[in-house]
Amino acid sequence: MTVALGCSRESEVETTARKGVEKIRSLIRDCGIPSRLRDVGIPQNAIPDMAVAAMKITRLLKNNPRPVAVEDAIAIYKAAY
């Protein structure tokens, strides 16, 4: 049974999710879409300001299953750098 993105449902939910992530990575690669912040010219010193700005988008944060603090947003942006 296909779940999404042409991926089959696996016996473990995590395995199914990982296949979905790999499919998205493959699509990004095939389309030539930059996948890192530095690849689109964002300087690393902009990360703290971006994190503060992200915390102001409360409509997205309130639907997140886990609480997110500015430090979490900074860590996410650093990982994407």
Protein backbone atom coordinates (compact mmCIF):
# COMPACT_ATOMS: atom_id res chain seq x y z
CA MET A 1 0.00 0.00 0.00
CA THR A 2 1.36 3.42 -0.97
CA VAL A 3 1.19 5.96 1.85
CA ALA A 4 2.63 9.13 0.34
CA LEU A 5 5.25 10.23 -2.16
CA GLY A 6 5.11 6.80 -3.74
CA CYS A 7 6.52 5.16 -0.60
CA SER A 8 5.16 1.90 0.69
CA ARG A 9 4.03 1.37 4.26
CA GLU A 10 6.69 -0.61 6.11
CA SER A 11 6.30 -2.82 9.18
CA GLU A 12 7.73 -0.06 11.39
CA VAL A 13 6.40 3.51 11.37
CA GLU A 14 9.93 4.88 11.69
CA THR A 15 11.09 2.93 8.64
CA THR A 16 8.16 4.30 6.63
CA ALA A 17 8.98 7.84 7.78
CA ARG A 18 12.66 7.44 6.89
CA LYS A 19 11.73 6.30 3.39
CA GLY A 20 9.57 9.42 3.04
CA VAL A 21 12.44 11.65 4.18
CA GLU A 22 14.79 10.00 1.70
CA LYS A 23 12.23 10.48 -1.08
CA ILE A 24 12.03 14.21 -0.29
CA ARG A 25 15.83 14.46 -0.23
CA SER A 26 15.94 12.74 -3.60
CA LEU A 27 13.37 15.16 -5.05
CA ILE A 28 15.34 18.14 -3.73
CA ARG A 29 18.54 16.76 -5.23
CA ASP A 30 16.90 15.93 -8.57
CA CYS A 31 15.34 19.40 -8.83
CA GLY A 32 18.58 21.14 -7.88
CA ILE A 33 16.97 22.97 -4.97
CA PRO A 34 19.45 24.30 -2.39
CA SER A 35 18.97 22.49 0.91
CA ARG A 36 21.17 24.52 3.25
CA LEU A 37 20.82 28.11 4.42
CA ARG A 38 24.38 28.91 3.33
CA ASP A 39 23.54 27.73 -0.19
CA VAL A 40 21.01 30.55 -0.53
CA GLY A 41 23.35 33.24 0.81
CA ILE A 42 22.13 33.52 4.39
CA PRO A 43 25.04 34.45 6.66
CA GLN A 44 25.51 32.39 9.80
CA ASN A 45 25.35 35.50 11.99
CA ALA A 46 21.72 36.00 10.86
CA ILE A 47 20.60 32.84 12.68
CA PRO A 48 19.80 34.40 16.08
CA ASP A 49 17.62 37.10 14.48
CA MET A 50 15.88 34.50 12.33
CA ALA A 51 15.15 32.41 15.43
CA VAL A 52 13.65 35.38 17.27
CA ALA A 53 11.52 36.20 14.21
CA ALA A 54 10.36 32.58 13.96
CA MET A 55 9.15 32.68 17.56
CA LYS A 56 6.74 35.47 16.59
CA ILE A 57 4.84 33.18 14.21
CA THR A 58 2.66 31.82 16.97
CA ARG A 59 0.02 30.27 14.69
CA LEU A 60 2.62 27.71 13.65
CA LEU A 61 4.14 27.23 17.10
CA LYS A 62 0.85 26.55 18.86
CA ASN A 63 0.19 23.60 16.51
CA ASN A 64 3.63 22.10 17.11
CA PRO A 65 3.41 18.95 19.27
CA ARG A 66 6.47 20.02 21.30
CA PRO A 67 7.26 23.38 22.86
CA VAL A 68 9.90 25.37 20.99
CA ALA A 69 12.13 27.98 22.63
CA VAL A 70 14.44 30.46 20.89
CA GLU A 71 17.38 28.16 21.70
CA ASP A 72 15.59 25.31 19.92
CA ALA A 73 15.00 27.48 16.86
CA ILE A 74 18.66 28.50 16.84
CA ALA A 75 19.69 24.83 16.97
CA ILE A 76 17.35 24.00 14.09
CA TYR A 77 18.73 26.84 11.96
CA LYS A 78 22.31 25.86 12.80
CA ALA A 79 21.58 22.30 11.71
CA ALA A 80 20.16 23.67 8.45
CA TYR A 81 23.22 25.83 7.87
